Amino acid sequence: MAESIAFSRSADRSVVYREIAPQVEALLDGEPDLTANLANVAAVLKEAFGFFWVGFYLAKDGQLVLGPFQGPVACTRIDFDKGVCGYVFSQRRTEIVPNVDEFPGHIACASASRSEIVVPVFDRNGDIRGVLDVDSDSLDDFGLADKEGLEAIAQLIIDKF
C-alpha cells in the first residue's frame, strides 16, 4: 500500500494534484475491484485537500447512483438531467459551479455545500460511466488547477471500468 501524503491547505493545488497522482496510481495498480478503487481515490482527495465532500456517482438503471464517498450523508440517486451531476453526465464535460445557489436545478444534498466541481468519468471505450463530484463549504473554491487535477485523476480510473 502507498504511503499517505499530507499536504498543507495553503499549498498550490496544482502541485498537490501532481504529487498525489503517483499515490493514486499505486493504489489502483493491481486492484481490480471498482468499489475499493473509488473509495481510495475519494479518501486521497479528501485527505489531501480537506474538501467538504468527495465522491462518485455511477450510472446504473437510468440514474446516477451514489458510489464511494467521503463526507456527510449524500443524495442516493440523481436523474441524468438533474443537478450539476446530471448536467455533467449528459454534457460529458467538467463543470465548475462557483455558487451552487445560482446553478439552475441544483440539488441541495447538504446545505453547507457552497461551490462544486463535477468531472465526468469514462471507461476505456469513451463511454461515460459516472461522475466525480467534489463540494466545498466555501464559495468559488474551485478553479483551473482543480479542473485539470481532477480530470487527470479521473483519467487514471478509466481502466478500472
N, C-alpha and C. Protein backbone atom coordinates (compact mmCIF):
# COMPACT_ATOMS: atom_id res chain seq x y z
N MET A 1 0.83 -1.18 0.00
CA MET A 1 0.00 0.00 0.00
C MET A 1 0.88 1.24 0.00
N ALA A 2 0.41 2.27 -0.72
CA ALA A 2 1.18 3.51 -0.82
C ALA A 2 1.14 4.26 0.50
N GLU A 3 2.19 5.01 0.76
CA GLU A 3 2.26 5.83 1.96
C GLU A 3 1.30 6.99 1.85
N SER A 4 0.71 7.38 2.94
CA SER A 4 -0.17 8.55 2.96
C SER A 4 0.68 9.80 2.85
N ILE A 5 0.17 10.76 2.10
CA ILE A 5 0.87 12.01 1.91
C ILE A 5 0.01 13.12 2.49
N ALA A 6 0.53 13.92 3.39
CA ALA A 6 -0.23 15.02 3.98
C ALA A 6 0.21 16.32 3.33
N PHE A 7 -0.74 17.21 3.08
CA PHE A 7 -0.45 18.47 2.42
C PHE A 7 -1.08 19.62 3.19
N SER A 8 -0.44 20.74 3.15
CA SER A 8 -0.99 21.95 3.73
C SER A 8 -2.10 22.47 2.82
N ARG A 9 -3.18 22.94 3.41
CA ARG A 9 -4.27 23.50 2.62
C ARG A 9 -3.80 24.73 1.85
N SER A 10 -2.73 25.37 2.28
CA SER A 10 -2.26 26.56 1.60
C SER A 10 -1.37 26.24 0.40
N ALA A 11 -1.02 24.97 0.23
CA ALA A 11 -0.16 24.58 -0.90
C ALA A 11 -0.88 24.84 -2.22
N ASP A 12 -0.13 25.14 -3.25
CA ASP A 12 -0.68 25.33 -4.58
C ASP A 12 -1.36 24.03 -5.01
N ARG A 13 -2.63 24.10 -5.32
CA ARG A 13 -3.38 22.89 -5.63
C ARG A 13 -2.82 22.12 -6.81
N SER A 14 -2.32 22.80 -7.82
CA SER A 14 -1.77 22.07 -8.97
C SER A 14 -0.59 21.21 -8.55
N VAL A 15 0.21 21.70 -7.61
CA VAL A 15 1.34 20.92 -7.09
C VAL A 15 0.83 19.70 -6.33
N VAL A 16 -0.20 19.90 -5.52
CA VAL A 16 -0.76 18.80 -4.73
C VAL A 16 -1.31 17.73 -5.66
N TYR A 17 -2.05 18.13 -6.69
CA TYR A 17 -2.57 17.13 -7.64
C TYR A 17 -1.44 16.33 -8.28
N ARG A 18 -0.39 17.02 -8.69
CA ARG A 18 0.76 16.31 -9.30
C ARG A 18 1.40 15.35 -8.30
N GLU A 19 1.46 15.75 -7.04
CA GLU A 19 2.11 14.91 -6.04
C GLU A 19 1.25 13.73 -5.58
N ILE A 20 -0.06 13.85 -5.64
CA ILE A 20 -0.90 12.72 -5.23
C ILE A 20 -1.15 11.73 -6.37
N ALA A 21 -0.90 12.15 -7.62
CA ALA A 21 -1.14 11.26 -8.76
C ALA A 21 -0.39 9.93 -8.62
N PRO A 22 0.90 9.92 -8.25
CA PRO A 22 1.58 8.63 -8.08
C PRO A 22 0.97 7.78 -6.96
N GLN A 23 0.48 8.42 -5.90
CA GLN A 23 -0.17 7.69 -4.82
C GLN A 23 -1.46 7.04 -5.34
N VAL A 24 -2.24 7.77 -6.10
CA VAL A 24 -3.47 7.22 -6.68
C VAL A 24 -3.13 6.06 -7.61
N GLU A 25 -2.14 6.25 -8.47
CA GLU A 25 -1.73 5.17 -9.38
C GLU A 25 -1.33 3.92 -8.60
N ALA A 26 -0.58 4.09 -7.52
CA ALA A 26 -0.14 2.94 -6.71
C ALA A 26 -1.33 2.24 -6.06
N LEU A 27 -2.30 3.01 -5.62
CA LEU A 27 -3.49 2.40 -5.01
C LEU A 27 -4.31 1.61 -6.03
N LEU A 28 -4.37 2.10 -7.26
CA LEU A 28 -5.15 1.45 -8.31
C LEU A 28 -4.43 0.25 -8.92
N ASP A 29 -3.12 0.29 -8.88
CA ASP A 29 -2.31 -0.74 -9.53
C ASP A 29 -2.56 -2.11 -8.91
N GLY A 30 -3.04 -3.02 -9.74
CA GLY A 30 -3.21 -4.40 -9.32
C GLY A 30 -4.49 -4.67 -8.55
N GLU A 31 -5.29 -3.65 -8.27
CA GLU A 31 -6.56 -3.86 -7.56
C GLU A 31 -7.71 -3.80 -8.57
N PRO A 32 -8.36 -4.91 -8.83
CA PRO A 32 -9.41 -4.93 -9.85
C PRO A 32 -10.78 -4.45 -9.35
N ASP A 33 -10.99 -4.33 -8.04
CA ASP A 33 -12.31 -4.01 -7.53
C ASP A 33 -12.61 -2.52 -7.66
N LEU A 34 -13.67 -2.20 -8.41
CA LEU A 34 -14.03 -0.80 -8.66
C LEU A 34 -14.38 -0.07 -7.38
N THR A 35 -15.17 -0.67 -6.52
CA THR A 35 -15.58 -0.02 -5.28
C THR A 35 -14.37 0.34 -4.42
N ALA A 36 -13.47 -0.60 -4.26
CA ALA A 36 -12.26 -0.35 -3.47
C ALA A 36 -11.45 0.79 -4.06
N ASN A 37 -11.30 0.79 -5.38
CA ASN A 37 -10.52 1.83 -6.03
C ASN A 37 -11.16 3.21 -5.88
N LEU A 38 -12.46 3.30 -6.11
CA LEU A 38 -13.13 4.60 -5.99
C LEU A 38 -13.12 5.09 -4.55
N ALA A 39 -13.25 4.18 -3.60
CA ALA A 39 -13.20 4.55 -2.19
C ALA A 39 -11.83 5.14 -1.84
N ASN A 40 -10.78 4.52 -2.31
CA ASN A 40 -9.44 5.03 -2.03
C ASN A 40 -9.18 6.36 -2.71
N VAL A 41 -9.66 6.54 -3.93
CA VAL A 41 -9.48 7.82 -4.62
C VAL A 41 -10.20 8.93 -3.84
N ALA A 42 -11.44 8.67 -3.43
CA ALA A 42 -12.18 9.67 -2.65
C ALA A 42 -11.43 10.00 -1.36
N ALA A 43 -10.88 8.99 -0.69
CA ALA A 43 -10.15 9.21 0.56
C ALA A 43 -8.89 10.04 0.33
N VAL A 44 -8.16 9.74 -0.73
CA VAL A 44 -6.94 10.51 -1.03
C VAL A 44 -7.29 11.98 -1.26
N LEU A 45 -8.32 12.23 -2.06
CA LEU A 45 -8.70 13.62 -2.35
C LEU A 45 -9.19 14.35 -1.11
N LYS A 46 -9.98 13.69 -0.30
CA LYS A 46 -10.48 14.30 0.94
C LYS A 46 -9.32 14.62 1.89
N GLU A 47 -8.40 13.67 2.02
CA GLU A 47 -7.25 13.85 2.91
C GLU A 47 -6.30 14.94 2.41
N ALA A 48 -6.05 14.97 1.11
CA ALA A 48 -5.08 15.91 0.55
C ALA A 48 -5.59 17.35 0.58
N PHE A 49 -6.90 17.54 0.37
CA PHE A 49 -7.42 18.90 0.22
C PHE A 49 -8.39 19.32 1.32
N GLY A 50 -8.92 18.38 2.09
CA GLY A 50 -9.89 18.74 3.12
C GLY A 50 -11.21 19.22 2.55
N PHE A 51 -11.55 18.78 1.34
CA PHE A 51 -12.82 19.18 0.74
C PHE A 51 -13.99 18.77 1.63
N PHE A 52 -15.10 19.49 1.53
CA PHE A 52 -16.30 19.20 2.32
C PHE A 52 -16.87 17.82 1.97
N TRP A 53 -16.92 17.49 0.68
CA TRP A 53 -17.48 16.22 0.23
C TRP A 53 -16.78 15.81 -1.06
N VAL A 54 -16.41 14.54 -1.16
CA VAL A 54 -15.78 14.00 -2.36
C VAL A 54 -16.39 12.63 -2.61
N GLY A 55 -16.85 12.39 -3.82
CA GLY A 55 -17.40 11.07 -4.09
C GLY A 55 -17.75 10.85 -5.54
N PHE A 56 -18.26 9.66 -5.76
CA PHE A 56 -18.60 9.22 -7.11
C PHE A 56 -20.07 8.89 -7.21
N TYR A 57 -20.66 9.21 -8.34
CA TYR A 57 -21.98 8.73 -8.72
C TYR A 57 -21.79 7.90 -9.98
N LEU A 58 -22.36 6.71 -9.98
CA LEU A 58 -22.18 5.77 -11.09
C LEU A 58 -23.49 5.56 -11.82
N ALA A 59 -23.42 5.46 -13.14
CA ALA A 59 -24.60 5.25 -13.97
C ALA A 59 -25.10 3.82 -13.79
N LYS A 60 -26.35 3.71 -13.31
CA LYS A 60 -26.99 2.41 -13.11
C LYS A 60 -28.48 2.58 -13.28
N ASP A 61 -29.08 1.72 -14.06
CA ASP A 61 -30.54 1.70 -14.19
C ASP A 61 -31.14 3.06 -14.54
N GLY A 62 -30.49 3.79 -15.43
CA GLY A 62 -31.04 5.06 -15.90
C GLY A 62 -30.88 6.24 -14.96
N GLN A 63 -30.04 6.11 -13.94
CA GLN A 63 -29.78 7.20 -13.00
C GLN A 63 -28.32 7.16 -12.57
N LEU A 64 -27.92 8.23 -11.91
CA LEU A 64 -26.63 8.24 -11.23
C LEU A 64 -26.89 7.78 -9.80
N VAL A 65 -26.17 6.74 -9.38
CA VAL A 65 -26.36 6.16 -8.06
C VAL A 65 -25.10 6.41 -7.24
N LEU A 66 -25.31 6.81 -5.99
CA LEU A 66 -24.21 7.11 -5.08
C LEU A 66 -23.24 5.94 -4.99
N GLY A 67 -21.97 6.25 -5.16
CA GLY A 67 -20.91 5.27 -5.00
C GLY A 67 -20.05 5.66 -3.81
N PRO A 68 -18.82 5.19 -3.77
CA PRO A 68 -17.92 5.51 -2.65
C PRO A 68 -17.74 7.02 -2.50
N PHE A 69 -17.73 7.47 -1.24
CA PHE A 69 -17.57 8.90 -0.97
C PHE A 69 -16.96 9.12 0.40
N GLN A 70 -16.54 10.36 0.64
CA GLN A 70 -16.04 10.83 1.92
C GLN A 70 -16.78 12.12 2.24
N GLY A 71 -17.41 12.17 3.40
CA GLY A 71 -18.13 13.38 3.80
C GLY A 71 -19.48 13.05 4.37
N PRO A 72 -20.31 14.08 4.56
CA PRO A 72 -21.63 13.85 5.15
C PRO A 72 -22.54 13.05 4.21
N VAL A 73 -23.65 12.59 4.77
CA VAL A 73 -24.65 11.82 4.01
C VAL A 73 -25.00 12.57 2.73
N ALA A 74 -25.21 11.81 1.65
CA ALA A 74 -25.43 12.41 0.34
C ALA A 74 -26.72 11.90 -0.30
N CYS A 75 -27.11 12.55 -1.37
CA CYS A 75 -28.24 12.07 -2.17
C CYS A 75 -27.87 10.70 -2.74
N THR A 76 -28.84 9.80 -2.76
CA THR A 76 -28.57 8.43 -3.20
C THR A 76 -28.70 8.27 -4.70
N ARG A 77 -29.71 8.90 -5.30
CA ARG A 77 -29.96 8.78 -6.74
C ARG A 77 -30.19 10.16 -7.35
N ILE A 78 -29.62 10.36 -8.53
CA ILE A 78 -29.78 11.61 -9.26
C ILE A 78 -30.12 11.26 -10.70
N ASP A 79 -31.18 11.86 -11.22
CA ASP A 79 -31.55 11.65 -12.62
C ASP A 79 -30.48 12.25 -13.52
N PHE A 80 -30.32 11.67 -14.71
CA PHE A 80 -29.30 12.12 -15.64
C PHE A 80 -29.48 13.59 -16.06
N ASP A 81 -30.66 14.13 -15.92
CA ASP A 81 -30.90 15.51 -16.34
C ASP A 81 -31.13 16.46 -15.17
N LYS A 82 -30.71 16.08 -13.97
CA LYS A 82 -30.93 16.89 -12.78
C LYS A 82 -29.63 17.29 -12.10
N GLY A 83 -29.61 18.50 -11.56
CA GLY A 83 -28.48 18.97 -10.78
C GLY A 83 -27.19 19.07 -11.57
N VAL A 84 -26.14 19.40 -10.88
CA VAL A 84 -24.83 19.55 -11.52
C VAL A 84 -24.32 18.19 -12.01
N CYS A 85 -24.50 17.15 -11.21
CA CYS A 85 -24.01 15.82 -11.61
C CYS A 85 -24.72 15.33 -12.86
N GLY A 86 -26.04 15.48 -12.91
CA GLY A 86 -26.79 15.07 -14.10
C GLY A 86 -26.40 15.89 -15.31
N TYR A 87 -26.17 17.19 -15.11
CA TYR A 87 -25.75 18.06 -16.20
C TYR A 87 -24.41 17.61 -16.77
N VAL A 88 -23.47 17.34 -15.90
CA VAL A 88 -22.14 16.89 -16.36
C VAL A 88 -22.24 15.55 -17.07
N PHE A 89 -23.05 14.65 -16.52
CA PHE A 89 -23.23 13.35 -17.16
C PHE A 89 -23.79 13.52 -18.56
N SER A 90 -24.81 14.34 -18.72
CA SER A 90 -25.43 14.50 -20.03
C SER A 90 -24.57 15.30 -21.00
N GLN A 91 -23.80 16.26 -20.50
CA GLN A 91 -22.95 17.09 -21.36
C GLN A 91 -21.57 16.48 -21.60
N ARG A 92 -21.18 15.52 -20.75
CA ARG A 92 -19.89 14.82 -20.87
C ARG A 92 -18.69 15.76 -20.74
N ARG A 93 -18.84 16.78 -19.89
CA ARG A 93 -17.72 17.71 -19.66
C ARG A 93 -17.76 18.25 -18.25
N THR A 94 -16.61 18.64 -17.75
CA THR A 94 -16.46 19.16 -16.40
C THR A 94 -17.21 20.47 -16.23
N GLU A 95 -17.80 20.63 -15.06
CA GLU A 95 -18.50 21.88 -14.73
C GLU A 95 -18.02 22.37 -13.37
N ILE A 96 -17.63 23.65 -13.32
CA ILE A 96 -17.27 24.31 -12.07
C ILE A 96 -18.42 25.25 -11.73
N VAL A 97 -18.92 25.13 -10.51
CA VAL A 97 -20.03 25.97 -10.05
C VAL A 97 -19.54 26.80 -8.86
N PRO A 98 -19.26 28.09 -9.08
CA PRO A 98 -18.73 28.94 -8.01
C PRO A 98 -19.71 29.12 -6.84
N ASN A 99 -21.02 29.14 -7.15
CA ASN A 99 -22.05 29.32 -6.12
C ASN A 99 -23.21 28.39 -6.48
N VAL A 100 -23.37 27.32 -5.73
CA VAL A 100 -24.39 26.32 -6.07
C VAL A 100 -25.79 26.89 -6.02
N ASP A 101 -26.01 27.96 -5.24
CA ASP A 101 -27.35 28.56 -5.18
C ASP A 101 -27.72 29.24 -6.49
N GLU A 102 -26.74 29.50 -7.35
CA GLU A 102 -27.01 30.16 -8.63
C GLU A 102 -27.06 29.18 -9.79
N PHE A 103 -26.91 27.88 -9.53
CA PHE A 103 -26.98 26.88 -10.60
C PHE A 103 -28.43 26.42 -10.74
N PRO A 104 -29.04 26.63 -11.92
CA PRO A 104 -30.44 26.22 -12.10
C PRO A 104 -30.62 24.72 -11.86
N GLY A 105 -31.53 24.38 -10.97
CA GLY A 105 -31.82 22.98 -10.72
C GLY A 105 -30.85 22.29 -9.78
N HIS A 106 -30.00 23.07 -9.10
CA HIS A 106 -29.04 22.45 -8.18
C HIS A 106 -29.77 21.62 -7.14
N ILE A 107 -29.25 20.44 -6.85
CA ILE A 107 -29.81 19.56 -5.83
C ILE A 107 -29.02 19.77 -4.55
N ALA A 108 -29.69 20.25 -3.52
CA ALA A 108 -29.03 20.55 -2.25
C ALA A 108 -29.01 19.31 -1.37
N CYS A 109 -28.04 18.43 -1.59
CA CYS A 109 -27.90 17.24 -0.74
C CYS A 109 -27.41 17.63 0.65
N ALA A 110 -26.59 18.66 0.73
CA ALA A 110 -26.08 19.17 2.01
C ALA A 110 -26.13 20.69 1.96
N SER A 111 -26.82 21.29 2.90
CA SER A 111 -27.00 22.74 2.89
C SER A 111 -25.69 23.51 3.08
N ALA A 112 -24.68 22.87 3.63
CA ALA A 112 -23.39 23.53 3.84
C ALA A 112 -22.56 23.63 2.56
N SER A 113 -22.93 22.92 1.52
CA SER A 113 -22.21 22.98 0.25
C SER A 113 -22.44 24.34 -0.40
N ARG A 114 -21.34 24.99 -0.78
CA ARG A 114 -21.42 26.34 -1.36
C ARG A 114 -20.94 26.40 -2.80
N SER A 115 -19.93 25.60 -3.14
CA SER A 115 -19.43 25.53 -4.52
C SER A 115 -19.13 24.08 -4.84
N GLU A 116 -18.98 23.81 -6.15
CA GLU A 116 -18.89 22.41 -6.57
C GLU A 116 -18.13 22.31 -7.89
N ILE A 117 -17.46 21.18 -8.06
CA ILE A 117 -16.89 20.82 -9.35
C ILE A 117 -17.26 19.36 -9.59
N VAL A 118 -17.71 19.08 -10.81
CA VAL A 118 -18.09 17.72 -11.17
C VAL A 118 -17.36 17.37 -12.47
N VAL A 119 -16.74 16.19 -12.47
CA VAL A 119 -15.91 15.72 -13.58
C VAL A 119 -16.50 14.41 -14.11
N PRO A 120 -16.68 14.30 -15.43
CA PRO A 120 -17.17 13.02 -15.97
C PRO A 120 -16.10 11.94 -15.85
N VAL A 121 -16.53 10.71 -15.66
CA VAL A 121 -15.63 9.56 -15.58
C VAL A 121 -16.02 8.61 -16.71
N PHE A 122 -15.05 8.32 -17.56
CA PHE A 122 -15.28 7.49 -18.75
C PHE A 122 -14.62 6.12 -18.59
N ASP A 123 -15.05 5.17 -19.41
CA ASP A 123 -14.35 3.89 -19.49
C ASP A 123 -13.37 3.95 -20.66
N ARG A 124 -12.64 2.88 -20.89
CA ARG A 124 -11.60 2.90 -21.94
C ARG A 124 -12.18 3.00 -23.34
N ASN A 125 -13.50 2.76 -23.51
CA ASN A 125 -14.15 2.90 -24.82
C ASN A 125 -14.70 4.30 -25.03
N GLY A 126 -14.53 5.17 -24.06
CA GLY A 126 -15.03 6.54 -24.17
C GLY A 126 -16.47 6.69 -23.74
N ASP A 127 -17.06 5.64 -23.18
CA ASP A 127 -18.44 5.73 -22.68
C ASP A 127 -18.42 6.32 -21.28
N ILE A 128 -19.32 7.23 -21.01
CA ILE A 128 -19.39 7.83 -19.68
C ILE A 128 -20.00 6.82 -18.72
N ARG A 129 -19.34 6.65 -17.58
CA ARG A 129 -19.77 5.65 -16.59
C ARG A 129 -20.22 6.26 -15.27
N GLY A 130 -19.91 7.55 -15.09
CA GLY A 130 -20.30 8.21 -13.86
C GLY A 130 -19.64 9.56 -13.75
N VAL A 131 -19.67 10.11 -12.55
CA VAL A 131 -19.05 11.42 -12.31
C VAL A 131 -18.30 11.40 -10.98
N LEU A 132 -17.28 12.22 -10.92
CA LEU A 132 -16.57 12.53 -9.68
C LEU A 132 -17.07 13.89 -9.23
N ASP A 133 -17.65 13.94 -8.05
CA ASP A 133 -18.29 15.14 -7.52
C ASP A 133 -17.49 15.62 -6.31
N VAL A 134 -17.13 16.90 -6.30
CA VAL A 134 -16.40 17.48 -5.17
C VAL A 134 -17.11 18.77 -4.77
N ASP A 135 -17.46 18.84 -3.48
CA ASP A 135 -18.14 20.02 -2.94
C ASP A 135 -17.24 20.72 -1.93
N SER A 136 -17.44 22.03 -1.85
CA SER A 136 -16.74 22.84 -0.86
C SER A 136 -17.76 23.60 -0.03
N ASP A 137 -17.41 23.89 1.20
CA ASP A 137 -18.26 24.72 2.03
C ASP A 137 -17.88 26.20 1.92
N SER A 138 -17.05 26.53 0.92
CA SER A 138 -16.66 27.91 0.62
C SER A 138 -17.14 28.27 -0.79
N LEU A 139 -17.51 29.51 -0.98
CA LEU A 139 -17.88 29.97 -2.32
C LEU A 139 -16.65 30.04 -3.21
N ASP A 140 -16.85 29.79 -4.49
CA ASP A 140 -15.82 29.97 -5.52
C ASP A 140 -14.49 29.30 -5.14
N ASP A 141 -14.57 28.04 -4.72
CA ASP A 141 -13.39 27.35 -4.21
C ASP A 141 -12.64 26.55 -5.27
N PHE A 142 -13.17 26.46 -6.48
CA PHE A 142 -12.55 25.61 -7.50
C PHE A 142 -12.15 26.43 -8.72
N GLY A 143 -11.03 26.03 -9.32
CA GLY A 143 -10.53 26.73 -10.49
C GLY A 143 -9.89 25.78 -11.47
N LEU A 144 -9.08 26.34 -12.33
CA LEU A 144 -8.43 25.58 -13.39
C LEU A 144 -7.55 24.45 -12.84
N ALA A 145 -6.84 24.71 -11.76
CA ALA A 145 -5.98 23.66 -11.16
C ALA A 145 -6.81 22.46 -10.75
N ASP A 146 -7.99 22.71 -10.19
CA ASP A 146 -8.88 21.61 -9.79
C ASP A 146 -9.42 20.88 -11.01
N LYS A 147 -9.83 21.63 -12.01
CA LYS A 147 -10.35 21.01 -13.24
C LYS A 147 -9.30 20.09 -13.84
N GLU A 148 -8.10 20.60 -14.03
CA GLU A 148 -7.03 19.80 -14.63
C GLU A 148 -6.63 18.64 -13.73
N GLY A 149 -6.52 18.89 -12.43
CA GLY A 149 -6.10 17.85 -11.50
C GLY A 149 -7.12 16.74 -11.37
N LEU A 150 -8.39 17.10 -11.24
CA LEU A 150 -9.43 16.08 -11.10
C LEU A 150 -9.67 15.32 -12.40
N GLU A 151 -9.53 16.00 -13.53
CA GLU A 151 -9.64 15.29 -14.81
C GLU A 151 -8.50 14.29 -14.97
N ALA A 152 -7.31 14.64 -14.50
CA ALA A 152 -6.17 13.70 -14.54
C ALA A 152 -6.43 12.50 -13.62
N ILE A 153 -7.00 12.74 -12.45
CA ILE A 153 -7.34 11.64 -11.54
C ILE A 153 -8.40 10.75 -12.18
N ALA A 154 -9.42 11.35 -12.79
CA ALA A 154 -10.47 10.58 -13.47
C ALA A 154 -9.87 9.74 -14.60
N GLN A 155 -8.87 10.27 -15.26
CA GLN A 155 -8.20 9.54 -16.34
C GLN A 155 -7.53 8.27 -15.82
N LEU A 156 -7.02 8.33 -14.61
CA LEU A 156 -6.35 7.16 -14.01
C LEU A 156 -7.34 6.03 -13.72
N ILE A 157 -8.60 6.38 -13.57
CA ILE A 157 -9.63 5.42 -13.21
C ILE A 157 -10.17 4.64 -14.41
N ILE A 158 -9.98 5.17 -15.61
CA ILE A 158 -10.59 4.62 -16.82
C ILE A 158 -10.46 3.10 -16.93
N ASP A 159 -9.31 2.57 -16.71
CA ASP A 159 -9.09 1.13 -16.91
C ASP A 159 -9.77 0.27 -15.85
N LYS A 160 -10.35 0.87 -14.83
CA LYS A 160 -10.99 0.10 -13.77
C LYS A 160 -12.45 -0.23 -14.10
N PHE A 161 -13.00 0.41 -15.14
CA PHE A 161 -14.38 0.11 -15.53
C PHE A 161 -14.42 -1.03 -16.52
